[in-house]
Structures are given as structure tokens and as C-alpha cells.
Amino acid sequence: MSKIKEVLQLKYCNQLSNRQIQTMTGVSRNSVANYLKTYEELRIDLDKILQLCDEELLTLFTPKKLNPSKEPTNLLNHPDWNDVRLELSKKGMTRALLWEELKSKQPNLYGYSQFNRYYAAYLKKLNPSMRQVHYSGDKLFIDYSGVTMPITNQVTGEISKAQIFVTVMAASGLTFAHATATQSTKDFIASHIQAFNFYEGVPNILVPDNLKAAVISHKKGVVRLNDSYKDMAAHYAVAVEPARPYKPQDKSKVELGVKGVQRWILMKLRHHTFFSVDELNQVIYLLLDGYNNKIIKRLGKSRTELFELLDKPHLHPLRTNQYIFKEFKRATVGIDYHVELEGSGYSVPYIHLGKKVDISYSSSSVMISLNGGVIAHHPKLTQAYHDSTNLEHMPPEHQYQYEKWNPKRILNWANSIGVQTTALMESIMQRRSHPTRGYKSCMAILSFSKTYGNEALEAVSNLALEANRYKVSSIESMLKTKTYLLHNQQDSANNTYMNQHENIRGSEYYSSLTDTTTKAIKL
């Protein structure tokens, strides 16, 4: 306390500056300023203050700090902090506006600064995810549980691991869980559709973890989404904002949701045996209702009640047509005006020969686009190595790029190599829905003559015809491994063996027999 007296003396008796007082007493300039401010507010004569004892000085110069955690709550007219938090979760609502509304209803309510301090003390009692500000119907957090569930195959007894997909609504915490066989993009999107149906609506933003099923890359703030996942989000008009890598606080809400699912659902099923994912999901849904209906003590409401109050009114309505999973591919239109997809060909208008096109396909249809415009649409073929050709896509008289390729030219090239090669080219074109679909394969096979020689290609063509092998990869494999040489050696060995057998008389016998017969006829 002697420091306070020393500061007052140096200031008012010696007329020193605050900086000089700091240097001489070691008291910081902020503390010096606070002591002087308090003295001026007290309006007590300096001589009287210098005569006070330490206890009296302590009472006068120590500020009474507001401690919301220790101050008796029954002496203050506090608002319901749960209601305050629920109101602040609404978009556009601010603390200042809410305080003004509460003040108008409760004139004795403390000031805005104290209101903020008490509210901050309330938030400290909540878990970290609850401290974040989440607006109603805004975000849906998404992740997979690290704990899986065993599925037993009834026939083989083999055990596979079902993956547990978990989502949590940001404001209410309403949790959804769904089991799938894998974490593939197809299963991942199927789980999203189930989640949207569960919530009976769609949020503004999806916040997935950086799974390959959702995010291709996320570096330096630049996000590249999986094409199928991006297409699903566009279908439901929802934005995607993946959590930042190595920033667990971005998805703390779903981390707690995953823990809740593991503890209150999966652990209850640890002694059960499931024979299918569907069977597991039926049980999960039953336990999920119990989990979401539990009363949260610190809030006095269940997740289901909070969802009905906060999130549900602000969700976007579901689209009437449910999303159908699609995959995407980029391909080049061949000289046969077809694009290859899973071994089958799909035609496009011949004017697009050689162009790069985008293919989106589901289990039932194939759509081909160029620069964002659809140029062809086909039903998805269920069998590989078949073609879907639209007659409208064919050029007049099948004239091709620069009118270079036609059956006559291909067969002329094959004739220059050998008879067997020509026969192979004819077989390939005859086996296709139209000869033009075989041009690409024929050209690829004929070009092997430049690498392996005409003789080798002729031998392989003979072997391919015998074995009914018409794929380009098969022809190339036989050329690389020189299978045709082994085949020729076996034929030669068989012929040698037969010629040396004791029951074989040979050509000389039949020649002499012919001469004897001729002489007998003349006689």
C-alpha cells in the first residue's frame, strides 16, 4: 500500500509525469493511471489519504471486480440463458438487439456490458462445440465412425465390416446414423440421401471431412470436389464446405455425434450378430430415436425438440425427384463416331469426330456432352462389348474424317500383309453392329505390322482366327510373347511324329503303288 502513497506524493507533491513515476517506483504506467483516476473519483483530501492504514487504502483503491460465477444468482434478475442462446442462433439476431428487447421487458436488467459478461460465463459451461455460433438450418456435419460393425455371411461364414455414416445438424445436434458396406462414393452419396429423408429437408451447407468420396484435394484453401458428390450437391442446391485439414475444431460437432453413436448405439449392439447391412440399419434406427429423445441436462430439451424448434423451420424442402447416382468420364470421339465406356460404344453425331467430350452415366442411362451441351443420350448397355448406335449420328454414306477410312482401304492394307490378316479384319468388321465400329480395332491391329513385321502378324492372325480371339489387347499380347512360334513348333512336332510312325507308309509307297497299278491296267 505504501506504493500507492508514494505514487500520489510524486504526482501531486512533486508534479512528476506518469512515466517518471513508473521509473522511480517500478509501478506500471497503467497502474499509476488507475491509482490517480481512483483518487480523483474519491475526491478526498490528499493529507487524509496519506494518513490511512493499509486496509483502508485497499478498500478504496482495489476495484470490485464482477465475478458472475461466484455472485449469487438469486440477487440478480438473469434472463433464461438457454433461451438467449436459441435466439442468437437465428440469422440476423445480434446481442445488442436481444439485450434491448429484454431490457424493454425487464427494466431492472443490468447493462449491455454485464449482459455480455454473464453470457460468456454461461457459454464456458457448455462443451466446445456448443460455444460455436451455429445458425438454424445452416450446416450439416458429416463423418464416418472409426468403430465398424461386423456382418456375417450366412452361407460362407465370412465376416465383413459395415461402415457407420454419421451426420449432425449444427444448431440442434440432431444425429443420424446409417450403415453401408463400404465408404465408396456411391455408398457415401446413398447415405446422404437417407439423411435428407430423415431430416425431411436439406441444409444450406454440407460440412464433410476430407474423404476421397467427397474431396479430391483440399490445399491452400482451394477445394476440388469429387465429380459425383458435386453433382449430388447441385441436384439438391446445397453448398459444400469441407472441414479444413488438420483442424478438428471445424468438425467438433460431428466428432461428439460420432462418440454418442458409438457409446449409445454401437456398444449396445456389440453382442448381436447381423447377417446384412439392412438388418443392422433397422436396429440402428430404433436406437437412434432413443438417443435423440434424451434430454440434454444443460439445455433442458432433447435434440429432437431443438430440431423442431431451430433447424426444421429453416431447412430447404426436398426435391420431388430423388438423386440418381452418376459417374463421370472424359473421352475422345473415335473415327467411328463412337465413344468407349466400360467396353461398349455409344454414338455421337459424326461432326464431332476427334473432339473431347464429357460422359455422365448412371445404371440406366448415358449422357454425352460437349462444352456443357448434350449431344447424345443412350440407354446404358448391360453387356460389355456391345454398341448403341443412333442412325441419326451416322454420316451420309459413312464418309469419315477426310474420307480416309473405309472397308476397302482396310482390306487392301490387310492383303498386303497376308490372307490370314485379311480374314481376321473381315471377321472383326462382321462381328460389329456396323463395319465402322471395327475400324478402330482393325487399324490398331494392322499398325502392329510396323512394329513386329508382316510375317509375325500373319501368323498371329491365323492363331487368333482358330482361337476366336478378336480383341486388340489379345493380338498384341500374342505378338509380344511370340505365342505363334510355340504354336508352329507344336504343329511341326506333331507332323514329324506322325511321319515317323511305323504304321505310316509314306508318299513313296503310294507312288510305287500307283506305278504298279498303271502297268497292270496296260497289260
Foldseek 3Di string as FASTA:
>chain_A
DVLLLQLVCCCPVVVDDLVVSCVVRVDDSVLSVLSVVLCVVVPDDSVVVNPDDPVVVCVRRPDDDDDLVPPDPVVADDDDLLVVLLQQLAPPDDLVVVVVVVCVVPVPHDDSVVNVVNSVVLLVVDDLLSNDRHHALAEKEKDKAPDWDWAAAPPPRDIATWIKIKIARRFLRQIDIATDRDCALVVVVVVVLVVCVVLQFAGQEYAYECDVSFWVDAPPNDTDTAPQNVVLCVVRVHHYDYDHPPPVSSRVSVVVVSVLCVPQPVVVCRPPHHNDRVVSRVSSVVSSVVQQQDQDVSNRGGSVVRNVVGHSVPGHHGDPDHDAGKHKDKFAQAQLQWTDDQQETEHFAQVRHGHIWMWIDGQFKIFIGDPPHTGDIDTDDPDHNAYDYDPNRADVVNQTDVSPDDLVVLLVLQVVLHDLLSVLLVVQLVVYPHSSVSPVLSVLLSVCCVVQNSVLSSLLSVVCVVVVNNGSVVSVVCSVVVVSVVVVVVVVVVVVVVCPDPVDPDPVVVVVVVVVVVVVVVD
